[in-house]
Amino acid sequence: MAALIEHDAPVLCYHRIGGPLELGVTRVGRSVFARQMTALARAGWKTWTLEQYASRRRADVPTCKVFLLTFDDGYASLADDAYPILADLGFTATTFLITDYVGRTNTWDMRYTWDRLPHLRWPDIEAWQARGFDFASHGATHRRLTWLDDATLVSELERSRDTLISRLGPGAGRAVAYPFGAADPRVLRHAQSAGYELGFGGVRGNGTPLHLPRVPVYLWDRGDVPFGLRSDAVGALGRVVAHAANRCAVGTSLMRAIGYRVPALGGHNPIANS
């Protein structure tokens, strides 16, 4: 087993688990995910709920072999290929939902698969919340928040939070994961004004409550211990690569912006342009 980080409750970020293959890098195979989670459980690692994570940070409680497991986007395959594995291991997770796309397909994204991918439906979300899984905001339409004017930025943050609270209760309005990990002082200020307690960015989040770091797990992160939980040189290199890959997502934002302005490129006029 690789050297592990055992302090400051690291945060892992997965996107897709299982489902069809894609041309992008965010899909992690079900067998890889199951092997990683099983290895961590056998090594004594535990997961925190979002409330546990928030309260332990406030109390500055030392951590050891505990991490926050998160998923971005809320794809429907999580209910079949991720959540049951976690439940069997006694793990939990927080999923950041694109609230306008719950129960819909991912027309907000570039098409990396032959068919569009479905997102979780509200009944599935409510059922897994009842089993101890958390859900929070990934914006209303997955737009890069740093590129939006103030009024649109406020709408993205507030509308998503209001939807989550109305469907899932006040706890669902606690946290936001910024699409593409993109945040700046203006975004952080509006997130705080919208009522969020926690905000999650990319690998180099500054550690303040509204700009917490997370390490994405991409398709090449196939070891039993994901890079975000390793304290050795391999883990450090993996985090650098993950940061670079996350930065490259600006290309996706640009392509979506172009596609939005020139609908003929994609054959449709998407709601979101990121």
C-alpha atoms as a PDB file:
ATOM      1  CA  MET A   1       0.000   0.000   0.000  1.00  0.00           C
ATOM      2  CA  ALA A   2       1.343   3.424  -0.951  1.00  0.00           C
ATOM      3  CA  ALA A   3       2.150   6.082   1.606  1.00  0.00           C
ATOM      4  CA  LEU A   4      -1.124   7.753   2.541  1.00  0.00           C
ATOM      5  CA  ILE A   5      -2.130  11.247   3.537  1.00  0.00           C
ATOM      6  CA  GLU A   6      -3.483  11.087   7.085  1.00  0.00           C
ATOM      7  CA  HIS A   7      -4.216  14.738   7.903  1.00  0.00           C
ATOM      8  CA  ASP A   8      -6.587  17.538   6.940  1.00  0.00           C
ATOM      9  CA  ALA A   9      -9.298  15.219   5.545  1.00  0.00           C
ATOM     10  CA  PRO A  10      -8.504  15.173   1.808  1.00  0.00           C
ATOM     11  CA  VAL A  11     -11.326  15.479  -0.700  1.00  0.00           C
ATOM     12  CA  LEU A  12     -11.591  13.251  -3.776  1.00  0.00           C
ATOM     13  CA  CYS A  13     -13.669  14.197  -6.808  1.00  0.00           C
ATOM     14  CA  TYR A  14     -14.986  11.572  -9.220  1.00  0.00           C
ATOM     15  CA  HIS A  15     -17.310  12.290 -12.134  1.00  0.00           C
ATOM     16  CA  ARG A  16     -18.614   9.287 -14.072  1.00  0.00           C
ATOM     17  CA  ILE A  17     -18.458   5.728 -12.752  1.00  0.00           C
ATOM     18  CA  GLY A  18     -19.186   2.995 -15.274  1.00  0.00           C
ATOM     19  CA  GLY A  19     -21.533   3.485 -18.198  1.00  0.00           C
ATOM     20  CA  PRO A  20     -20.457   3.775 -21.849  1.00  0.00           C
ATOM     21  CA  LEU A  21     -16.880   4.557 -22.820  1.00  0.00           C
ATOM     22  CA  GLU A  22     -16.121   8.165 -23.726  1.00  0.00           C
ATOM     23  CA  LEU A  23     -13.561  10.231 -25.598  1.00  0.00           C
ATOM     24  CA  GLY A  24     -12.936  12.344 -22.496  1.00  0.00           C
ATOM     25  CA  VAL A  25     -11.029  11.559 -19.297  1.00  0.00           C
ATOM     26  CA  THR A  26     -13.624  11.712 -16.518  1.00  0.00           C
ATOM     27  CA  ARG A  27     -14.960   8.155 -16.709  1.00  0.00           C
ATOM     28  CA  VAL A  28     -13.639   5.657 -14.151  1.00  0.00           C
ATOM     29  CA  GLY A  29     -14.581   2.027 -14.721  1.00  0.00           C
ATOM     30  CA  ARG A  30     -16.851   0.354 -12.195  1.00  0.00           C
ATOM     31  CA  SER A  31     -14.281  -2.356 -11.456  1.00  0.00           C
ATOM     32  CA  VAL A  32     -11.541   0.232 -10.878  1.00  0.00           C
ATOM     33  CA  PHE A  33     -13.777   2.237  -8.549  1.00  0.00           C
ATOM     34  CA  ALA A  34     -14.830  -0.883  -6.630  1.00  0.00           C
ATOM     35  CA  ARG A  35     -11.196  -1.962  -6.234  1.00  0.00           C
ATOM     36  CA  GLN A  36     -10.135   1.476  -5.000  1.00  0.00           C
ATOM     37  CA  MET A  37     -12.932   1.793  -2.460  1.00  0.00           C
ATOM     38  CA  THR A  38     -12.473  -1.775  -1.226  1.00  0.00           C
ATOM     39  CA  ALA A  39      -8.722  -1.275  -0.784  1.00  0.00           C
ATOM     40  CA  LEU A  40      -9.303   1.924   1.181  1.00  0.00           C
ATOM     41  CA  ALA A  41     -11.901   0.290   3.400  1.00  0.00           C
ATOM     42  CA  ARG A  42      -9.580  -2.634   4.131  1.00  0.00           C
ATOM     43  CA  ALA A  43      -6.789  -0.175   4.971  1.00  0.00           C
ATOM     44  CA  GLY A  44      -9.012   1.402   7.622  1.00  0.00           C
ATOM     45  CA  TRP A  45     -10.139   4.519   5.778  1.00  0.00           C
ATOM     46  CA  LYS A  46     -13.537   6.069   6.529  1.00  0.00           C
ATOM     47  CA  THR A  47     -15.674   8.619   4.693  1.00  0.00           C
ATOM     48  CA  TRP A  48     -17.331  11.649   6.226  1.00  0.00           C
ATOM     49  CA  THR A  49     -20.731  13.099   5.505  1.00  0.00           C
ATOM     50  CA  LEU A  50     -20.749  16.728   4.456  1.00  0.00           C
ATOM     51  CA  GLU A  51     -21.986  17.748   7.915  1.00  0.00           C
ATOM     52  CA  GLN A  52     -19.196  15.791   9.617  1.00  0.00           C
ATOM     53  CA  TYR A  53     -16.656  17.392   7.311  1.00  0.00           C
ATOM     54  CA  ALA A  54     -18.000  20.893   7.989  1.00  0.00           C
ATOM     55  CA  SER A  55     -18.233  20.460  11.763  1.00  0.00           C
ATOM     56  CA  ARG A  56     -14.794  18.849  12.109  1.00  0.00           C
ATOM     57  CA  ARG A  57     -13.239  21.679  10.086  1.00  0.00           C
ATOM     58  CA  ARG A  58     -14.882  24.259  12.335  1.00  0.00           C
ATOM     59  CA  ALA A  59     -13.558  22.465  15.422  1.00  0.00           C
ATOM     60  CA  ASP A  60     -10.114  21.961  13.836  1.00  0.00           C
ATOM     61  CA  VAL A  61     -10.216  18.283  14.787  1.00  0.00           C
ATOM     62  CA  PRO A  62      -7.138  16.274  13.703  1.00  0.00           C
ATOM     63  CA  THR A  63      -7.992  13.658  11.114  1.00  0.00           C
ATOM     64  CA  CYS A  64      -6.558  10.241  10.409  1.00  0.00           C
ATOM     65  CA  LYS A  65      -7.553   7.980   7.531  1.00  0.00           C
ATOM     66  CA  VAL A  66     -10.749   9.857   6.768  1.00  0.00           C
ATOM     67  CA  PHE A  67     -11.716  11.607   3.541  1.00  0.00           C
ATOM     68  CA  LEU A  68     -14.642  13.315   1.873  1.00  0.00           C
ATOM     69  CA  LEU A  69     -15.743  11.449  -1.249  1.00  0.00           C
ATOM     70  CA  THR A  70     -17.498  13.591  -3.855  1.00  0.00           C
ATOM     71  CA  PHE A  71     -19.033  13.190  -7.300  1.00  0.00           C
ATOM     72  CA  ASP A  72     -19.627  16.037  -9.736  1.00  0.00           C
ATOM     73  CA  ASP A  73     -22.523  16.330 -12.202  1.00  0.00           C
ATOM     74  CA  GLY A  74     -24.818  13.623 -10.793  1.00  0.00           C
ATOM     75  CA  TYR A  75     -24.907  11.058 -13.575  1.00  0.00           C
ATOM     76  CA  ALA A  76     -27.568   8.350 -13.345  1.00  0.00           C
ATOM     77  CA  SER A  77     -24.954   5.574 -13.469  1.00  0.00           C
ATOM     78  CA  LEU A  78     -23.944   6.473  -9.911  1.00  0.00           C
ATOM     79  CA  ALA A  79     -27.107   4.806  -8.610  1.00  0.00           C
ATOM     80  CA  ASP A  80     -26.113   1.510 -10.245  1.00  0.00           C
ATOM     81  CA  ASP A  81     -22.322   1.543 -10.360  1.00  0.00           C
ATOM     82  CA  ALA A  82     -21.135   3.608  -7.374  1.00  0.00           C
ATOM     83  CA  TYR A  83     -23.616   4.081  -4.542  1.00  0.00           C
ATOM     84  CA  PRO A  84     -24.309   0.342  -3.959  1.00  0.00           C
ATOM     85  CA  ILE A  85     -20.557  -0.353  -3.724  1.00  0.00           C
ATOM     86  CA  LEU A  86     -20.161   2.422  -1.172  1.00  0.00           C
ATOM     87  CA  ALA A  87     -23.185   1.327   0.846  1.00  0.00           C
ATOM     88  CA  ASP A  88     -21.847  -2.235   1.066  1.00  0.00           C
ATOM     89  CA  LEU A  89     -18.547  -0.880   2.438  1.00  0.00           C
ATOM     90  CA  GLY A  90     -20.175   1.480   4.926  1.00  0.00           C
ATOM     91  CA  PHE A  91     -18.990   4.500   2.932  1.00  0.00           C
ATOM     92  CA  THR A  92     -20.978   7.575   1.980  1.00  0.00           C
ATOM     93  CA  ALA A  93     -20.501  10.373  -0.558  1.00  0.00           C
ATOM     94  CA  THR A  94     -21.604  13.866  -1.533  1.00  0.00           C
ATOM     95  CA  THR A  95     -22.880  14.387  -5.075  1.00  0.00           C
ATOM     96  CA  PHE A  96     -22.906  17.879  -6.561  1.00  0.00           C
ATOM     97  CA  LEU A  97     -25.942  18.197  -8.816  1.00  0.00           C
ATOM     98  CA  ILE A  98     -26.536  20.405 -11.860  1.00  0.00           C
ATOM     99  CA  THR A  99     -30.028  21.240 -10.713  1.00  0.00           C
ATOM    100  CA  ASP A 100     -31.571  22.264 -14.058  1.00  0.00           C
ATOM    101  CA  TYR A 101     -30.480  18.898 -15.477  1.00  0.00           C
ATOM    102  CA  VAL A 102     -31.781  16.514 -12.833  1.00  0.00           C
ATOM    103  CA  GLY A 103     -33.751  13.862 -14.729  1.00  0.00           C
ATOM    104  CA  ARG A 104     -32.443  15.109 -18.090  1.00  0.00           C
ATOM    105  CA  THR A 105     -29.514  14.279 -20.355  1.00  0.00           C
ATOM    106  CA  ASN A 106     -26.172  16.081 -20.400  1.00  0.00           C
ATOM    107  CA  THR A 107     -26.783  18.527 -23.245  1.00  0.00           C
ATOM    108  CA  TRP A 108     -24.821  21.084 -21.179  1.00  0.00           C
ATOM    109  CA  ASP A 109     -21.585  19.248 -22.096  1.00  0.00           C
ATOM    110  CA  MET A 110     -19.646  18.417 -25.224  1.00  0.00           C
ATOM    111  CA  ARG A 111     -20.679  15.048 -26.634  1.00  0.00           C
ATOM    112  CA  TYR A 112     -17.971  12.589 -25.576  1.00  0.00           C
ATOM    113  CA  THR A 113     -20.188   9.507 -25.994  1.00  0.00           C
ATOM    114  CA  TRP A 114     -22.349   8.221 -28.857  1.00  0.00           C
ATOM    115  CA  ASP A 115     -25.554   8.980 -26.975  1.00  0.00           C
ATOM    116  CA  ARG A 116     -26.246  11.672 -24.438  1.00  0.00           C
ATOM    117  CA  LEU A 117     -25.924  10.550 -20.813  1.00  0.00           C
ATOM    118  CA  PRO A 118     -28.810  10.689 -18.314  1.00  0.00           C
ATOM    119  CA  HIS A 119     -28.590  12.408 -14.955  1.00  0.00           C
ATOM    120  CA  LEU A 120     -30.062  11.154 -11.697  1.00  0.00           C
ATOM    121  CA  ARG A 121     -33.798  11.684 -11.190  1.00  0.00           C
ATOM    122  CA  TRP A 122     -35.248  13.290  -8.075  1.00  0.00           C
ATOM    123  CA  PRO A 123     -36.816  10.021  -6.784  1.00  0.00           C
ATOM    124  CA  ASP A 124     -33.396   8.309  -6.986  1.00  0.00           C
ATOM    125  CA  ILE A 125     -31.719  11.256  -5.275  1.00  0.00           C
ATOM    126  CA  GLU A 126     -34.302  11.283  -2.481  1.00  0.00           C
ATOM    127  CA  ALA A 127     -33.967   7.527  -1.976  1.00  0.00           C
ATOM    128  CA  TRP A 128     -30.183   7.677  -1.634  1.00  0.00           C
ATOM    129  CA  GLN A 129     -30.374  10.736   0.592  1.00  0.00           C
ATOM    130  CA  ALA A 130     -32.574   8.672   2.916  1.00  0.00           C
ATOM    131  CA  ARG A 131     -29.742   6.122   3.035  1.00  0.00           C
ATOM    132  CA  GLY A 132     -27.222   8.696   4.254  1.00  0.00           C
ATOM    133  CA  PHE A 133     -25.834  10.113   1.016  1.00  0.00           C
ATOM    134  CA  ASP A 134     -25.500  13.881   0.629  1.00  0.00           C
ATOM    135  CA  PHE A 135     -26.366  16.123  -2.309  1.00  0.00           C
ATOM    136  CA  ALA A 136     -25.302  19.714  -2.940  1.00  0.00           C
ATOM    137  CA  SER A 137     -24.936  22.296  -5.716  1.00  0.00           C
ATOM    138  CA  HIS A 138     -22.899  22.206  -8.915  1.00  0.00           C
ATOM    139  CA  GLY A 139     -24.673  25.271 -10.236  1.00  0.00           C
ATOM    140  CA  ALA A 140     -27.942  25.438 -12.127  1.00  0.00           C
ATOM    141  CA  THR A 141     -26.555  24.823 -15.633  1.00  0.00           C
ATOM    142  CA  HIS A 142     -22.821  24.027 -15.177  1.00  0.00           C
ATOM    143  CA  ARG A 143     -21.559  27.309 -16.543  1.00  0.00           C
ATOM    144  CA  ARG A 144     -18.047  28.573 -15.780  1.00  0.00           C
ATOM    145  CA  LEU A 145     -18.915  31.044 -13.042  1.00  0.00           C
ATOM    146  CA  THR A 146     -15.862  33.270 -13.478  1.00  0.00           C
ATOM    147  CA  TRP A 147     -17.048  34.166 -17.004  1.00  0.00           C
ATOM    148  CA  LEU A 148     -20.538  35.311 -15.982  1.00  0.00           C
ATOM    149  CA  ASP A 149     -21.780  38.803 -15.245  1.00  0.00           C
ATOM    150  CA  ASP A 150     -22.916  39.444 -11.691  1.00  0.00           C
ATOM    151  CA  ALA A 151     -26.636  38.984 -12.303  1.00  0.00           C
ATOM    152  CA  THR A 152     -26.185  35.656 -14.122  1.00  0.00           C
ATOM    153  CA  LEU A 153     -23.678  34.452 -11.538  1.00  0.00           C
ATOM    154  CA  VAL A 154     -26.075  35.209  -8.703  1.00  0.00           C
ATOM    155  CA  SER A 155     -28.875  33.415 -10.561  1.00  0.00           C
ATOM    156  CA  GLU A 156     -26.722  30.295 -11.088  1.00  0.00           C
ATOM    157  CA  LEU A 157     -25.833  30.101  -7.400  1.00  0.00           C
ATOM    158  CA  GLU A 158     -29.132  31.097  -5.822  1.00  0.00           C
ATOM    159  CA  ARG A 159     -31.450  29.212  -8.159  1.00  0.00           C
ATOM    160  CA  SER A 160     -29.526  25.973  -7.685  1.00  0.00           C
ATOM    161  CA  ARG A 161     -29.462  26.353  -3.897  1.00  0.00           C
ATOM    162  CA  ASP A 162     -33.164  27.202  -3.718  1.00  0.00           C
ATOM    163  CA  THR A 163     -34.048  24.122  -5.779  1.00  0.00           C
ATOM    164  CA  LEU A 164     -31.979  21.838  -3.571  1.00  0.00           C
ATOM    165  CA  ILE A 165     -33.419  23.195  -0.344  1.00  0.00           C
ATOM    166  CA  SER A 166     -36.984  22.937  -1.610  1.00  0.00           C
ATOM    167  CA  ARG A 167     -36.492  19.314  -2.738  1.00  0.00           C
ATOM    168  CA  LEU A 168     -34.051  17.926  -0.169  1.00  0.00           C
ATOM    169  CA  GLY A 169     -34.065  20.223   2.854  1.00  0.00           C
ATOM    170  CA  PRO A 170     -31.746  22.886   4.292  1.00  0.00           C
ATOM    171  CA  GLY A 171     -28.661  20.664   4.458  1.00  0.00           C
ATOM    172  CA  ALA A 172     -28.591  20.409   0.663  1.00  0.00           C
ATOM    173  CA  GLY A 173     -27.922  24.152   0.493  1.00  0.00           C
ATOM    174  CA  ARG A 174     -24.736  23.954   2.541  1.00  0.00           C
ATOM    175  CA  ALA A 175     -22.140  23.490  -0.213  1.00  0.00           C
ATOM    176  CA  VAL A 176     -21.307  24.258  -3.822  1.00  0.00           C
ATOM    177  CA  ALA A 177     -18.691  22.751  -6.130  1.00  0.00           C
ATOM    178  CA  TYR A 178     -17.691  25.330  -8.710  1.00  0.00           C
ATOM    179  CA  PRO A 179     -18.003  23.998 -12.283  1.00  0.00           C
ATOM    180  CA  PHE A 180     -14.547  23.323 -13.735  1.00  0.00           C
ATOM    181  CA  GLY A 181     -13.135  24.246 -10.312  1.00  0.00           C
ATOM    182  CA  ALA A 182     -13.194  27.869 -11.500  1.00  0.00           C
ATOM    183  CA  ALA A 183     -13.504  30.441  -8.714  1.00  0.00           C
ATOM    184  CA  ASP A 184     -12.159  33.913  -8.002  1.00  0.00           C
ATOM    185  CA  PRO A 185     -12.796  36.456  -5.221  1.00  0.00           C
ATOM    186  CA  ARG A 186     -15.971  37.687  -6.935  1.00  0.00           C
ATOM    187  CA  VAL A 187     -17.398  34.150  -7.198  1.00  0.00           C
ATOM    188  CA  LEU A 188     -16.492  33.418  -3.568  1.00  0.00           C
ATOM    189  CA  ARG A 189     -18.175  36.626  -2.440  1.00  0.00           C
ATOM    190  CA  HIS A 190     -21.397  35.795  -4.288  1.00  0.00           C
ATOM    191  CA  ALA A 191     -21.333  32.199  -3.032  1.00  0.00           C
ATOM    192  CA  GLN A 192     -21.183  33.473   0.538  1.00  0.00           C
ATOM    193  CA  SER A 193     -23.982  35.971  -0.116  1.00  0.00           C
ATOM    194  CA  ALA A 194     -26.104  33.179  -1.612  1.00  0.00           C
ATOM    195  CA  GLY A 195     -25.858  31.293   1.677  1.00  0.00           C
ATOM    196  CA  TYR A 196     -23.271  28.604   0.985  1.00  0.00           C
ATOM    197  CA  GLU A 197     -21.090  27.549   3.903  1.00  0.00           C
ATOM    198  CA  LEU A 198     -18.576  25.522   1.900  1.00  0.00           C
ATOM    199  CA  GLY A 199     -17.239  25.888  -1.635  1.00  0.00           C
ATOM    200  CA  PHE A 200     -15.046  23.373  -3.443  1.00  0.00           C
ATOM    201  CA  GLY A 201     -12.601  24.318  -6.183  1.00  0.00           C
ATOM    202  CA  GLY A 202      -9.762  22.480  -7.893  1.00  0.00           C
ATOM    203  CA  VAL A 203      -6.485  21.004  -6.710  1.00  0.00           C
ATOM    204  CA  ARG A 204      -5.144  24.421  -5.718  1.00  0.00           C
ATOM    205  CA  GLY A 205      -8.054  25.731  -3.704  1.00  0.00           C
ATOM    206  CA  ASN A 206      -6.689  28.045  -1.027  1.00  0.00           C
ATOM    207  CA  GLY A 207      -8.155  26.129   1.927  1.00  0.00           C
ATOM    208  CA  THR A 208     -10.618  28.778   3.079  1.00  0.00           C
ATOM    209  CA  PRO A 209     -14.184  27.513   3.702  1.00  0.00           C
ATOM    210  CA  LEU A 210     -15.451  28.763   0.337  1.00  0.00           C
ATOM    211  CA  HIS A 211     -12.414  27.678  -1.687  1.00  0.00           C
ATOM    212  CA  LEU A 212     -11.506  24.184  -0.520  1.00  0.00           C
ATOM    213  CA  PRO A 213      -9.189  21.986  -2.610  1.00  0.00           C
ATOM    214  CA  ARG A 214     -10.241  18.714  -4.202  1.00  0.00           C
ATOM    215  CA  VAL A 215      -8.243  16.210  -6.238  1.00  0.00           C
ATOM    216  CA  PRO A 216     -10.066  14.868  -9.322  1.00  0.00           C
ATOM    217  CA  VAL A 217      -9.787  11.168 -10.121  1.00  0.00           C
ATOM    218  CA  TYR A 218      -9.420  10.698 -13.867  1.00  0.00           C
ATOM    219  CA  LEU A 219      -9.231   7.587 -16.031  1.00  0.00           C
ATOM    220  CA  TRP A 220      -5.454   7.166 -15.615  1.00  0.00           C
ATOM    221  CA  ASP A 221      -5.716   7.178 -11.799  1.00  0.00           C
ATOM    222  CA  ARG A 222      -6.095   3.391 -11.628  1.00  0.00           C
ATOM    223  CA  GLY A 223      -4.104   2.416  -8.542  1.00  0.00           C
ATOM    224  CA  ASP A 224      -5.679   1.060  -5.360  1.00  0.00           C
ATOM    225  CA  VAL A 225      -4.934   4.416  -3.696  1.00  0.00           C
ATOM    226  CA  PRO A 226      -6.019   7.472  -5.725  1.00  0.00           C
ATOM    227  CA  PHE A 227      -3.411  10.204  -6.080  1.00  0.00           C
ATOM    228  CA  GLY A 228      -5.371  12.526  -3.803  1.00  0.00           C
ATOM    229  CA  LEU A 229      -4.782  10.228  -0.814  1.00  0.00           C
ATOM    230  CA  ARG A 230      -1.098   9.561  -1.428  1.00  0.00           C
ATOM    231  CA  SER A 231       1.651  11.542   0.318  1.00  0.00           C
ATOM    232  CA  ASP A 232       4.548  10.188  -1.758  1.00  0.00           C
ATOM    233  CA  ALA A 233       6.139  11.494  -4.964  1.00  0.00           C
ATOM    234  CA  VAL A 234       3.660   9.578  -7.127  1.00  0.00           C
ATOM    235  CA  GLY A 235       0.785  11.283  -5.335  1.00  0.00           C
ATOM    236  CA  ALA A 236       2.395  14.700  -5.767  1.00  0.00           C
ATOM    237  CA  LEU A 237       2.926  14.090  -9.478  1.00  0.00           C
ATOM    238  CA  GLY A 238      -0.628  12.804  -9.841  1.00  0.00           C
ATOM    239  CA  ARG A 239      -2.018  15.970  -8.288  1.00  0.00           C
ATOM    240  CA  VAL A 240       0.031  18.100 -10.687  1.00  0.00           C
ATOM    241  CA  VAL A 241      -1.331  16.131 -13.645  1.00  0.00           C
ATOM    242  CA  ALA A 242      -4.878  16.353 -12.293  1.00  0.00           C
ATOM    243  CA  HIS A 243      -4.518  20.117 -11.930  1.00  0.00           C
ATOM    244  CA  ALA A 244      -3.257  20.402 -15.517  1.00  0.00           C
ATOM    245  CA  ALA A 245      -6.151  18.296 -16.817  1.00  0.00           C
ATOM    246  CA  ASN A 246      -8.638  20.410 -14.898  1.00  0.00           C
ATOM    247  CA  ARG A 247      -7.121  23.577 -16.369  1.00  0.00           C
ATOM    248  CA  CYS A 248      -7.504  22.119 -19.854  1.00  0.00           C
ATOM    249  CA  ALA A 249     -11.263  22.039 -19.272  1.00  0.00           C
ATOM    250  CA  VAL A 250     -11.254  25.695 -20.332  1.00  0.00           C
ATOM    251  CA  GLY A 251     -11.271  24.302 -23.864  1.00  0.00           C
ATOM    252  CA  THR A 252     -14.614  22.658 -23.175  1.00  0.00           C
ATOM    253  CA  SER A 253     -15.989  25.973 -21.956  1.00  0.00           C
ATOM    254  CA  LEU A 254     -14.774  27.712 -25.109  1.00  0.00           C
ATOM    255  CA  MET A 255     -16.258  25.061 -27.392  1.00  0.00           C
ATOM    256  CA  ARG A 256     -19.579  25.233 -25.601  1.00  0.00           C
ATOM    257  CA  ALA A 257     -19.553  29.010 -25.926  1.00  0.00           C
ATOM    258  CA  ILE A 258     -18.915  28.693 -29.667  1.00  0.00           C
ATOM    259  CA  GLY A 259     -21.568  26.008 -30.001  1.00  0.00           C
ATOM    260  CA  TYR A 260     -24.077  28.189 -28.203  1.00  0.00           C
ATOM    261  CA  ARG A 261     -23.468  31.089 -30.558  1.00  0.00           C
ATOM    262  CA  VAL A 262     -23.398  28.889 -33.665  1.00  0.00           C
ATOM    263  CA  PRO A 263     -26.117  26.256 -33.069  1.00  0.00           C
ATOM    264  CA  ALA A 264     -25.435  24.515 -36.384  1.00  0.00           C
ATOM    265  CA  LEU A 265     -22.154  23.170 -35.003  1.00  0.00           C
ATOM    266  CA  GLY A 266     -23.942  20.903 -32.572  1.00  0.00           C
ATOM    267  CA  GLY A 267     -27.255  20.553 -34.338  1.00  0.00           C
ATOM    268  CA  HIS A 268     -29.066  22.118 -31.391  1.00  0.00           C
ATOM    269  CA  ASN A 269     -29.069  25.212 -29.226  1.00  0.00           C
ATOM    270  CA  PRO A 270     -28.081  24.108 -25.718  1.00  0.00           C
ATOM    271  CA  ILE A 271     -29.176  25.854 -22.583  1.00  0.00           C
ATOM    272  CA  ALA A 272     -25.710  25.944 -21.061  1.00  0.00           C
ATOM    273  CA  ASN A 273     -22.572  27.105 -22.831  1.00  0.00           C
ATOM    274  CA  SER A 274     -19.849  25.507 -20.776  1.00  0.00           C
END
